[in-house]
Amino acid sequence: MNNDGYISREEMFQMLKNSMVKQTTEEDPDEGIKDIVELVLKKMDHDHDNRLSMDDFMKSVKEEDLLLEAFGPCLPDTKYREKFLADLETGNIHMDISQAKS
């Protein structure tokens, strides 16, 4: 979100908070979001710096295909996803996430 090439714990929290459907319960909705952030960091933050880099993401999805499924309809279908991962492994894709729009 701040174009530093990482998704920090706070940035992840804000993105999830803004995209989650609010439900009327007695529980604090922020607690559920914090739990999701902790789970994502535990699973994907390979260098343990409390933020996700593109390298963290790439290692995570290569190790666990189901993580790609967790991102739901925002991802392309299987054929394009497989091509993307193959290109990523062979170095045919060069990503500069600092150019991505927030």
PDB file of N, CA and C in Angstrom:
ATOM      1  N   MET A   1       0.817  -1.194   0.000  1.00  0.00           N
ATOM      2  CA  MET A   1       0.000   0.000   0.000  1.00  0.00           C
ATOM      3  C   MET A   1       0.858   1.254   0.000  1.00  0.00           C
ATOM      4  N   ASN A   2       2.026   1.155   0.641  1.00  0.00           N
ATOM      5  CA  ASN A   2       2.901   2.328   0.639  1.00  0.00           C
ATOM      6  C   ASN A   2       4.020   2.196  -0.394  1.00  0.00           C
ATOM      7  N   ASN A   3       3.903   1.193  -1.281  1.00  0.00           N
ATOM      8  CA  ASN A   3       4.840   0.982  -2.388  1.00  0.00           C
ATOM      9  C   ASN A   3       6.277   0.707  -1.959  1.00  0.00           C
ATOM     10  N   ASP A   4       6.450   0.073  -0.772  1.00  0.00           N
ATOM     11  CA  ASP A   4       7.807  -0.271  -0.349  1.00  0.00           C
ATOM     12  C   ASP A   4       8.196  -1.688  -0.757  1.00  0.00           C
ATOM     13  N   GLY A   5       7.286  -2.390  -1.464  1.00  0.00           N
ATOM     14  CA  GLY A   5       7.577  -3.742  -1.912  1.00  0.00           C
ATOM     15  C   GLY A   5       7.194  -4.820  -0.914  1.00  0.00           C
ATOM     16  N   TYR A   6       6.578  -4.444   0.180  1.00  0.00           N
ATOM     17  CA  TYR A   6       6.167  -5.384   1.214  1.00  0.00           C
ATOM     18  C   TYR A   6       4.723  -5.109   1.622  1.00  0.00           C
ATOM     19  N   ILE A   7       4.084  -6.128   2.170  1.00  0.00           N
ATOM     20  CA  ILE A   7       2.784  -5.931   2.815  1.00  0.00           C
ATOM     21  C   ILE A   7       3.022  -6.136   4.300  1.00  0.00           C
ATOM     22  N   SER A   8       2.922  -5.064   5.055  1.00  0.00           N
ATOM     23  CA  SER A   8       3.169  -5.134   6.492  1.00  0.00           C
ATOM     24  C   SER A   8       1.943  -5.688   7.214  1.00  0.00           C
ATOM     25  N   ARG A   9       2.118  -6.022   8.468  1.00  0.00           N
ATOM     26  CA  ARG A   9       1.028  -6.514   9.309  1.00  0.00           C
ATOM     27  C   ARG A   9      -0.129  -5.508   9.310  1.00  0.00           C
ATOM     28  N   GLU A  10       0.160  -4.243   9.485  1.00  0.00           N
ATOM     29  CA  GLU A  10      -0.878  -3.214   9.534  1.00  0.00           C
ATOM     30  C   GLU A  10      -1.550  -3.033   8.172  1.00  0.00           C
ATOM     31  N   GLU A  11      -0.775  -3.062   7.100  1.00  0.00           N
ATOM     32  CA  GLU A  11      -1.361  -2.944   5.760  1.00  0.00           C
ATOM     33  C   GLU A  11      -2.300  -4.119   5.474  1.00  0.00           C
ATOM     34  N   MET A  12      -1.865  -5.323   5.860  1.00  0.00           N
ATOM     35  CA  MET A  12      -2.698  -6.497   5.655  1.00  0.00           C
ATOM     36  C   MET A  12      -3.995  -6.372   6.456  1.00  0.00           C
ATOM     37  N   PHE A  13      -3.882  -5.909   7.694  1.00  0.00           N
ATOM     38  CA  PHE A  13      -5.061  -5.719   8.541  1.00  0.00           C
ATOM     39  C   PHE A  13      -6.039  -4.735   7.887  1.00  0.00           C
ATOM     40  N   GLN A  14      -5.526  -3.612   7.398  1.00  0.00           N
ATOM     41  CA  GLN A  14      -6.393  -2.606   6.784  1.00  0.00           C
ATOM     42  C   GLN A  14      -7.052  -3.122   5.508  1.00  0.00           C
ATOM     43  N   MET A  15      -6.302  -3.858   4.681  1.00  0.00           N
ATOM     44  CA  MET A  15      -6.884  -4.413   3.454  1.00  0.00           C
ATOM     45  C   MET A  15      -8.010  -5.389   3.781  1.00  0.00           C
ATOM     46  N   LEU A  16      -7.772  -6.265   4.754  1.00  0.00           N
ATOM     47  CA  LEU A  16      -8.798  -7.235   5.127  1.00  0.00           C
ATOM     48  C   LEU A  16      -9.996  -6.548   5.776  1.00  0.00           C
ATOM     49  N   LYS A  17      -9.732  -5.575   6.618  1.00  0.00           N
ATOM     50  CA  LYS A  17     -10.822  -4.861   7.299  1.00  0.00           C
ATOM     51  C   LYS A  17     -11.728  -4.175   6.273  1.00  0.00           C
ATOM     52  N   ASN A  18     -11.125  -3.608   5.244  1.00  0.00           N
ATOM     53  CA  ASN A  18     -11.901  -2.906   4.224  1.00  0.00           C
ATOM     54  C   ASN A  18     -12.638  -3.852   3.284  1.00  0.00           C
ATOM     55  N   SER A  19     -12.215  -5.120   3.227  1.00  0.00           N
ATOM     56  CA  SER A  19     -12.844  -6.045   2.279  1.00  0.00           C
ATOM     57  C   SER A  19     -13.779  -7.057   2.935  1.00  0.00           C
ATOM     58  N   MET A  20     -13.774  -7.140   4.241  1.00  0.00           N
ATOM     59  CA  MET A  20     -14.611  -8.117   4.932  1.00  0.00           C
ATOM     60  C   MET A  20     -16.033  -7.584   5.091  1.00  0.00           C
ATOM     61  N   VAL A  21     -16.987  -8.495   5.029  1.00  0.00           N
ATOM     62  CA  VAL A  21     -18.391  -8.143   5.257  1.00  0.00           C
ATOM     63  C   VAL A  21     -18.607  -8.050   6.754  1.00  0.00           C
ATOM     64  N   LYS A  22     -19.171  -6.953   7.173  1.00  0.00           N
ATOM     65  CA  LYS A  22     -19.415  -6.764   8.604  1.00  0.00           C
ATOM     66  C   LYS A  22     -20.651  -7.563   9.011  1.00  0.00           C
ATOM     67  N   GLN A  23     -20.517  -8.298  10.113  1.00  0.00           N
ATOM     68  CA  GLN A  23     -21.631  -9.076  10.628  1.00  0.00           C
ATOM     69  C   GLN A  23     -21.959  -8.580  12.023  1.00  0.00           C
ATOM     70  N   THR A  24     -23.225  -8.624  12.333  1.00  0.00           N
ATOM     71  CA  THR A  24     -23.652  -8.163  13.657  1.00  0.00           C
ATOM     72  C   THR A  24     -23.524  -9.311  14.646  1.00  0.00           C
ATOM     73  N   THR A  25     -22.446  -9.292  15.403  1.00  0.00           N
ATOM     74  CA  THR A  25     -22.217 -10.272  16.457  1.00  0.00           C
ATOM     75  C   THR A  25     -21.697  -9.520  17.668  1.00  0.00           C
ATOM     76  N   GLU A  26     -21.613 -10.224  18.754  1.00  0.00           N
ATOM     77  CA  GLU A  26     -21.084  -9.604  19.964  1.00  0.00           C
ATOM     78  C   GLU A  26     -19.565  -9.575  19.959  1.00  0.00           C
ATOM     79  N   GLU A  27     -18.963 -10.361  19.071  1.00  0.00           N
ATOM     80  CA  GLU A  27     -17.509 -10.389  18.988  1.00  0.00           C
ATOM     81  C   GLU A  27     -16.981  -9.152  18.278  1.00  0.00           C
ATOM     82  N   ASP A  28     -15.812  -8.747  18.674  1.00  0.00           N
ATOM     83  CA  ASP A  28     -15.136  -7.633  18.021  1.00  0.00           C
ATOM     84  C   ASP A  28     -14.632  -8.115  16.658  1.00  0.00           C
ATOM     85  N   PRO A  29     -15.143  -7.556  15.545  1.00  0.00           N
ATOM     86  CA  PRO A  29     -14.718  -8.033  14.222  1.00  0.00           C
ATOM     87  C   PRO A  29     -13.224  -7.860  13.981  1.00  0.00           C
ATOM     88  N   ASP A  30     -12.611  -6.895  14.603  1.00  0.00           N
ATOM     89  CA  ASP A  30     -11.171  -6.689  14.429  1.00  0.00           C
ATOM     90  C   ASP A  30     -10.364  -7.875  14.951  1.00  0.00           C
ATOM     91  N   GLU A  31     -10.875  -8.561  15.963  1.00  0.00           N
ATOM     92  CA  GLU A  31     -10.156  -9.715  16.511  1.00  0.00           C
ATOM     93  C   GLU A  31     -10.051 -10.838  15.488  1.00  0.00           C
ATOM     94  N   GLY A  32     -11.131 -11.091  14.752  1.00  0.00           N
ATOM     95  CA  GLY A  32     -11.103 -12.112  13.711  1.00  0.00           C
ATOM     96  C   GLY A  32     -10.124 -11.759  12.610  1.00  0.00           C
ATOM     97  N   ILE A  33     -10.076 -10.476  12.250  1.00  0.00           N
ATOM     98  CA  ILE A  33      -9.142 -10.027  11.217  1.00  0.00           C
ATOM     99  C   ILE A  33      -7.704 -10.171  11.705  1.00  0.00           C
ATOM    100  N   LYS A  34      -7.470  -9.831  12.965  1.00  0.00           N
ATOM    101  CA  LYS A  34      -6.121  -9.984  13.536  1.00  0.00           C
ATOM    102  C   LYS A  34      -5.695 -11.451  13.510  1.00  0.00           C
ATOM    103  N   ASP A  35      -6.644 -12.351  13.797  1.00  0.00           N
ATOM    104  CA  ASP A  35      -6.339 -13.786  13.760  1.00  0.00           C
ATOM    105  C   ASP A  35      -5.947 -14.222  12.346  1.00  0.00           C
ATOM    106  N   ILE A  36      -6.651 -13.715  11.343  1.00  0.00           N
ATOM    107  CA  ILE A  36      -6.334 -14.054   9.950  1.00  0.00           C
ATOM    108  C   ILE A  36      -4.946 -13.541   9.582  1.00  0.00           C
ATOM    109  N   VAL A  37      -4.640 -12.299   9.974  1.00  0.00           N
ATOM    110  CA  VAL A  37      -3.322 -11.721   9.693  1.00  0.00           C
ATOM    111  C   VAL A  37      -2.230 -12.578  10.324  1.00  0.00           C
ATOM    112  N   GLU A  38      -2.428 -12.990  11.572  1.00  0.00           N
ATOM    113  CA  GLU A  38      -1.427 -13.820  12.252  1.00  0.00           C
ATOM    114  C   GLU A  38      -1.244 -15.153  11.543  1.00  0.00           C
ATOM    115  N   LEU A  39      -2.343 -15.749  11.111  1.00  0.00           N
ATOM    116  CA  LEU A  39      -2.287 -17.024  10.396  1.00  0.00           C
ATOM    117  C   LEU A  39      -1.535 -16.883   9.070  1.00  0.00           C
ATOM    118  N   VAL A  40      -1.834 -15.811   8.330  1.00  0.00           N
ATOM    119  CA  VAL A  40      -1.156 -15.577   7.049  1.00  0.00           C
ATOM    120  C   VAL A  40       0.337 -15.369   7.266  1.00  0.00           C
ATOM    121  N   LEU A  41       0.699 -14.556   8.245  1.00  0.00           N
ATOM    122  CA  LEU A  41       2.122 -14.312   8.499  1.00  0.00           C
ATOM    123  C   LEU A  41       2.830 -15.586   8.955  1.00  0.00           C
ATOM    124  N   LYS A  42       2.163 -16.369   9.790  1.00  0.00           N
ATOM    125  CA  LYS A  42       2.771 -17.612  10.265  1.00  0.00           C
ATOM    126  C   LYS A  42       3.038 -18.562   9.099  1.00  0.00           C
ATOM    127  N   LYS A  43       2.116 -18.605   8.149  1.00  0.00           N
ATOM    128  CA  LYS A  43       2.227 -19.528   7.019  1.00  0.00           C
ATOM    129  C   LYS A  43       3.147 -19.003   5.911  1.00  0.00           C
ATOM    130  N   MET A  44       3.169 -17.689   5.690  1.00  0.00           N
ATOM    131  CA  MET A  44       3.825 -17.151   4.499  1.00  0.00           C
ATOM    132  C   MET A  44       5.073 -16.311   4.752  1.00  0.00           C
ATOM    133  N   ASP A  45       5.300 -15.850   5.952  1.00  0.00           N
ATOM    134  CA  ASP A  45       6.446 -14.967   6.231  1.00  0.00           C
ATOM    135  C   ASP A  45       7.695 -15.798   6.485  1.00  0.00           C
ATOM    136  N   HIS A  46       8.356 -16.208   5.412  1.00  0.00           N
ATOM    137  CA  HIS A  46       9.495 -17.117   5.513  1.00  0.00           C
ATOM    138  C   HIS A  46      10.709 -16.504   6.192  1.00  0.00           C
ATOM    139  N   ASP A  47      10.906 -15.215   6.055  1.00  0.00           N
ATOM    140  CA  ASP A  47      12.084 -14.602   6.670  1.00  0.00           C
ATOM    141  C   ASP A  47      11.779 -13.978   8.038  1.00  0.00           C
ATOM    142  N   HIS A  48      10.553 -14.154   8.520  1.00  0.00           N
ATOM    143  CA  HIS A  48      10.135 -13.748   9.861  1.00  0.00           C
ATOM    144  C   HIS A  48      10.399 -12.276  10.170  1.00  0.00           C
ATOM    145  N   ASP A  49      10.088 -11.411   9.198  1.00  0.00           N
ATOM    146  CA  ASP A  49      10.265  -9.976   9.415  1.00  0.00           C
ATOM    147  C   ASP A  49       8.921  -9.258   9.617  1.00  0.00           C
ATOM    148  N   ASN A  50       7.863 -10.038   9.846  1.00  0.00           N
ATOM    149  CA  ASN A  50       6.513  -9.509  10.106  1.00  0.00           C
ATOM    150  C   ASN A  50       5.931  -8.708   8.948  1.00  0.00           C
ATOM    151  N   ARG A  51       6.310  -9.090   7.736  1.00  0.00           N
ATOM    152  CA  ARG A  51       5.747  -8.496   6.528  1.00  0.00           C
ATOM    153  C   ARG A  51       5.955  -9.491   5.394  1.00  0.00           C
ATOM    154  N   LEU A  52       5.158  -9.349   4.338  1.00  0.00           N
ATOM    155  CA  LEU A  52       5.264 -10.257   3.207  1.00  0.00           C
ATOM    156  C   LEU A  52       5.938  -9.571   2.034  1.00  0.00           C
ATOM    157  N   SER A  53       6.929 -10.223   1.508  1.00  0.00           N
ATOM    158  CA  SER A  53       7.600  -9.750   0.300  1.00  0.00           C
ATOM    159  C   SER A  53       7.136 -10.623  -0.865  1.00  0.00           C
ATOM    160  N   MET A  54       7.476 -10.244  -2.062  1.00  0.00           N
ATOM    161  CA  MET A  54       7.165 -11.073  -3.220  1.00  0.00           C
ATOM    162  C   MET A  54       7.887 -12.412  -3.084  1.00  0.00           C
ATOM    163  N   ASP A  55       9.091 -12.404  -2.539  1.00  0.00           N
ATOM    164  CA  ASP A  55       9.836 -13.646  -2.336  1.00  0.00           C
ATOM    165  C   ASP A  55       9.096 -14.564  -1.363  1.00  0.00           C
ATOM    166  N   ASP A  56       8.576 -14.009  -0.263  1.00  0.00           N
ATOM    167  CA  ASP A  56       7.773 -14.787   0.678  1.00  0.00           C
ATOM    168  C   ASP A  56       6.571 -15.409  -0.032  1.00  0.00           C
ATOM    169  N   PHE A  57       5.889 -14.591  -0.828  1.00  0.00           N
ATOM    170  CA  PHE A  57       4.700 -15.055  -1.532  1.00  0.00           C
ATOM    171  C   PHE A  57       5.049 -16.186  -2.498  1.00  0.00           C
ATOM    172  N   MET A  58       6.097 -15.996  -3.288  1.00  0.00           N
ATOM    173  CA  MET A  58       6.475 -16.997  -4.285  1.00  0.00           C
ATOM    174  C   MET A  58       6.860 -18.310  -3.612  1.00  0.00           C
ATOM    175  N   LYS A  59       7.635 -18.250  -2.539  1.00  0.00           N
ATOM    176  CA  LYS A  59       8.008 -19.466  -1.821  1.00  0.00           C
ATOM    177  C   LYS A  59       6.776 -20.165  -1.271  1.00  0.00           C
ATOM    178  N   SER A  60       5.848 -19.389  -0.750  1.00  0.00           N
ATOM    179  CA  SER A  60       4.650 -19.957  -0.131  1.00  0.00           C
ATOM    180  C   SER A  60       3.775 -20.682  -1.140  1.00  0.00           C
ATOM    181  N   VAL A  61       3.510 -20.057  -2.274  1.00  0.00           N
ATOM    182  CA  VAL A  61       2.621 -20.694  -3.246  1.00  0.00           C
ATOM    183  C   VAL A  61       3.299 -21.868  -3.953  1.00  0.00           C
ATOM    184  N   LYS A  62       4.623 -21.850  -4.021  1.00  0.00           N
ATOM    185  CA  LYS A  62       5.322 -23.003  -4.592  1.00  0.00           C
ATOM    186  C   LYS A  62       5.257 -24.196  -3.631  1.00  0.00           C
ATOM    187  N   GLU A  63       5.301 -23.922  -2.336  1.00  0.00           N
ATOM    188  CA  GLU A  63       5.255 -24.985  -1.339  1.00  0.00           C
ATOM    189  C   GLU A  63       3.838 -25.505  -1.112  1.00  0.00           C
ATOM    190  N   GLU A  64       2.855 -24.636  -1.249  1.00  0.00           N
ATOM    191  CA  GLU A  64       1.482 -25.002  -0.917  1.00  0.00           C
ATOM    192  C   GLU A  64       0.515 -24.451  -1.952  1.00  0.00           C
ATOM    193  N   ASP A  65       0.116 -25.314  -2.885  1.00  0.00           N
ATOM    194  CA  ASP A  65      -0.796 -24.904  -3.958  1.00  0.00           C
ATOM    195  C   ASP A  65      -2.126 -24.363  -3.431  1.00  0.00           C
ATOM    196  N   LEU A  66      -2.563 -24.847  -2.301  1.00  0.00           N
ATOM    197  CA  LEU A  66      -3.859 -24.406  -1.768  1.00  0.00           C
ATOM    198  C   LEU A  66      -3.877 -22.916  -1.415  1.00  0.00           C
ATOM    199  N   LEU A  67      -2.709 -22.341  -1.201  1.00  0.00           N
ATOM    200  CA  LEU A  67      -2.672 -20.903  -0.928  1.00  0.00           C
ATOM    201  C   LEU A  67      -3.163 -20.112  -2.133  1.00  0.00           C
ATOM    202  N   LEU A  68      -2.893 -20.616  -3.328  1.00  0.00           N
ATOM    203  CA  LEU A  68      -3.421 -19.957  -4.525  1.00  0.00           C
ATOM    204  C   LEU A  68      -4.942 -20.018  -4.523  1.00  0.00           C
ATOM    205  N   GLU A  69      -5.488 -21.144  -4.104  1.00  0.00           N
ATOM    206  CA  GLU A  69      -6.945 -21.283  -4.047  1.00  0.00           C
ATOM    207  C   GLU A  69      -7.555 -20.347  -3.018  1.00  0.00           C
ATOM    208  N   ALA A  70      -6.834 -20.043  -1.959  1.00  0.00           N
ATOM    209  CA  ALA A  70      -7.358 -19.184  -0.897  1.00  0.00           C
ATOM    210  C   ALA A  70      -7.634 -17.768  -1.381  1.00  0.00           C
ATOM    211  N   PHE A  71      -6.987 -17.377  -2.468  1.00  0.00           N
ATOM    212  CA  PHE A  71      -7.197 -16.033  -2.974  1.00  0.00           C
ATOM    213  C   PHE A  71      -8.429 -15.931  -3.865  1.00  0.00           C
ATOM    214  N   GLY A  72      -9.096 -17.052  -4.081  1.00  0.00           N
ATOM    215  CA  GLY A  72     -10.401 -17.095  -4.725  1.00  0.00           C
ATOM    216  C   GLY A  72     -10.470 -16.514  -6.120  1.00  0.00           C
ATOM    217  N   PRO A  73     -11.591 -15.837  -6.420  1.00  0.00           N
ATOM    218  CA  PRO A  73     -11.857 -15.392  -7.787  1.00  0.00           C
ATOM    219  C   PRO A  73     -10.945 -14.278  -8.287  1.00  0.00           C
ATOM    220  N   CYS A  74     -10.069 -13.793  -7.448  1.00  0.00           N
ATOM    221  CA  CYS A  74      -9.147 -12.756  -7.923  1.00  0.00           C
ATOM    222  C   CYS A  74      -8.033 -13.355  -8.770  1.00  0.00           C
ATOM    223  N   LEU A  75      -7.942 -14.687  -8.775  1.00  0.00           N
ATOM    224  CA  LEU A  75      -6.898 -15.349  -9.546  1.00  0.00           C
ATOM    225  C   LEU A  75      -7.442 -15.887 -10.863  1.00  0.00           C
ATOM    226  N   PRO A  76      -6.571 -16.027 -11.851  1.00  0.00           N
ATOM    227  CA  PRO A  76      -7.004 -16.581 -13.142  1.00  0.00           C
ATOM    228  C   PRO A  76      -7.279 -18.080 -13.023  1.00  0.00           C
ATOM    229  N   ASP A  77      -7.848 -18.653 -14.079  1.00  0.00           N
ATOM    230  CA  ASP A  77      -8.148 -20.079 -14.046  1.00  0.00           C
ATOM    231  C   ASP A  77      -6.860 -20.901 -14.037  1.00  0.00           C
ATOM    232  N   THR A  78      -7.001 -22.201 -13.850  1.00  0.00           N
ATOM    233  CA  THR A  78      -5.875 -23.107 -13.649  1.00  0.00           C
ATOM    234  C   THR A  78      -4.840 -23.032 -14.766  1.00  0.00           C
ATOM    235  N   LYS A  79      -5.284 -22.991 -16.010  1.00  0.00           N
ATOM    236  CA  LYS A  79      -4.358 -22.967 -17.153  1.00  0.00           C
ATOM    237  C   LYS A  79      -3.406 -21.770 -17.060  1.00  0.00           C
ATOM    238  N   TYR A  80      -3.941 -20.591 -16.783  1.00  0.00           N
ATOM    239  CA  TYR A  80      -3.107 -19.395 -16.709  1.00  0.00           C
ATOM    240  C   TYR A  80      -2.258 -19.379 -15.442  1.00  0.00           C
ATOM    241  N   ARG A  81      -2.797 -19.903 -14.353  1.00  0.00           N
ATOM    242  CA  ARG A  81      -2.051 -19.967 -13.100  1.00  0.00           C
ATOM    243  C   ARG A  81      -0.837 -20.879 -13.264  1.00  0.00           C
ATOM    244  N   GLU A  82      -1.026 -22.035 -13.920  1.00  0.00           N
ATOM    245  CA  GLU A  82       0.081 -22.956 -14.140  1.00  0.00           C
ATOM    246  C   GLU A  82       1.150 -22.336 -15.042  1.00  0.00           C
ATOM    247  N   LYS A  83       0.714 -21.625 -16.073  1.00  0.00           N
ATOM    248  CA  LYS A  83       1.661 -20.939 -16.967  1.00  0.00           C
ATOM    249  C   LYS A  83       2.446 -19.882 -16.189  1.00  0.00           C
ATOM    250  N   PHE A  84       1.741 -19.118 -15.359  1.00  0.00           N
ATOM    251  CA  PHE A  84       2.389 -18.087 -14.548  1.00  0.00           C
ATOM    252  C   PHE A  84       3.443 -18.708 -13.636  1.00  0.00           C
ATOM    253  N   LEU A  85       3.086 -19.777 -12.918  1.00  0.00           N
ATOM    254  CA  LEU A  85       4.036 -20.406 -12.002  1.00  0.00           C
ATOM    255  C   LEU A  85       5.226 -21.003 -12.754  1.00  0.00           C
ATOM    256  N   ALA A  86       4.962 -21.587 -13.919  1.00  0.00           N
ATOM    257  CA  ALA A  86       6.061 -22.133 -14.723  1.00  0.00           C
ATOM    258  C   ALA A  86       7.002 -21.016 -15.167  1.00  0.00           C
ATOM    259  N   ASP A  87       6.446 -19.912 -15.626  1.00  0.00           N
ATOM    260  CA  ASP A  87       7.266 -18.772 -16.045  1.00  0.00           C
ATOM    261  C   ASP A  87       8.036 -18.184 -14.863  1.00  0.00           C
ATOM    262  N   LEU A  88       7.412 -18.166 -13.716  1.00  0.00           N
ATOM    263  CA  LEU A  88       8.049 -17.651 -12.515  1.00  0.00           C
ATOM    264  C   LEU A  88       9.266 -18.503 -12.155  1.00  0.00           C
ATOM    265  N   GLU A  89       9.118 -19.807 -12.239  1.00  0.00           N
ATOM    266  CA  GLU A  89      10.224 -20.716 -11.908  1.00  0.00           C
ATOM    267  C   GLU A  89      11.369 -20.625 -12.902  1.00  0.00           C
ATOM    268  N   THR A  90      11.057 -20.398 -14.155  1.00  0.00           N
ATOM    269  CA  THR A  90      12.115 -20.339 -15.170  1.00  0.00           C
ATOM    270  C   THR A  90      12.725 -18.948 -15.295  1.00  0.00           C
ATOM    271  N   GLY A  91      12.157 -17.991 -14.588  1.00  0.00           N
ATOM    272  CA  GLY A  91      12.691 -16.633 -14.643  1.00  0.00           C
ATOM    273  C   GLY A  91      12.184 -15.816 -15.798  1.00  0.00           C
ATOM    274  N   ASN A  92      11.147 -16.281 -16.471  1.00  0.00           N
ATOM    275  CA  ASN A  92      10.589 -15.538 -17.607  1.00  0.00           C
ATOM    276  C   ASN A  92       9.711 -14.377 -17.179  1.00  0.00           C
ATOM    277  N   ILE A  93       9.469 -14.244 -15.888  1.00  0.00           N
ATOM    278  CA  ILE A  93       8.660 -13.133 -15.367  1.00  0.00           C
ATOM    279  C   ILE A  93       9.521 -12.326 -14.418  1.00  0.00           C
ATOM    280  N   HIS A  94       9.529 -11.042 -14.628  1.00  0.00           N
ATOM    281  CA  HIS A  94      10.247 -10.134 -13.732  1.00  0.00           C
ATOM    282  C   HIS A  94       9.213  -9.189 -13.154  1.00  0.00           C
ATOM    283  N   MET A  95       9.035  -9.240 -11.842  1.00  0.00           N
ATOM    284  CA  MET A  95       7.973  -8.463 -11.212  1.00  0.00           C
ATOM    285  C   MET A  95       8.560  -7.324 -10.406  1.00  0.00           C
ATOM    286  N   ASP A  96       8.024  -6.165 -10.589  1.00  0.00           N
ATOM    287  CA  ASP A  96       8.399  -5.000  -9.807  1.00  0.00           C
ATOM    288  C   ASP A  96       7.129  -4.515  -9.115  1.00  0.00           C
ATOM    289  N   ILE A  97       6.905  -5.014  -7.887  1.00  0.00           N
ATOM    290  CA  ILE A  97       5.656  -4.677  -7.209  1.00  0.00           C
ATOM    291  C   ILE A  97       5.625  -3.237  -6.726  1.00  0.00           C
ATOM    292  N   SER A  98       6.738  -2.546  -6.789  1.00  0.00           N
ATOM    293  CA  SER A  98       6.723  -1.144  -6.390  1.00  0.00           C
ATOM    294  C   SER A  98       5.949  -0.303  -7.406  1.00  0.00           C
ATOM    295  N   GLN A  99       5.760  -0.838  -8.615  1.00  0.00           N
ATOM    296  CA  GLN A  99       5.006  -0.119  -9.647  1.00  0.00           C
ATOM    297  C   GLN A  99       3.506  -0.400  -9.578  1.00  0.00           C
ATOM    298  N   ALA A 100       3.108  -1.358  -8.744  1.00  0.00           N
ATOM    299  CA  ALA A 100       1.681  -1.715  -8.649  1.00  0.00           C
ATOM    300  C   ALA A 100       0.900  -0.582  -7.987  1.00  0.00           C
ATOM    301  N   LYS A 101      -0.315  -0.394  -8.453  1.00  0.00           N
ATOM    302  CA  LYS A 101      -1.172   0.627  -7.858  1.00  0.00           C
ATOM    303  C   LYS A 101      -1.816   0.070  -6.607  1.00  0.00           C
ATOM    304  N   SER A 102      -1.964   0.910  -5.598  1.00  0.00           N
ATOM    305  CA  SER A 102      -2.597   0.439  -4.363  1.00  0.00           C
ATOM    306  C   SER A 102      -4.087   0.630  -4.421  1.00  0.00           C
TER     307      SER A 102
END
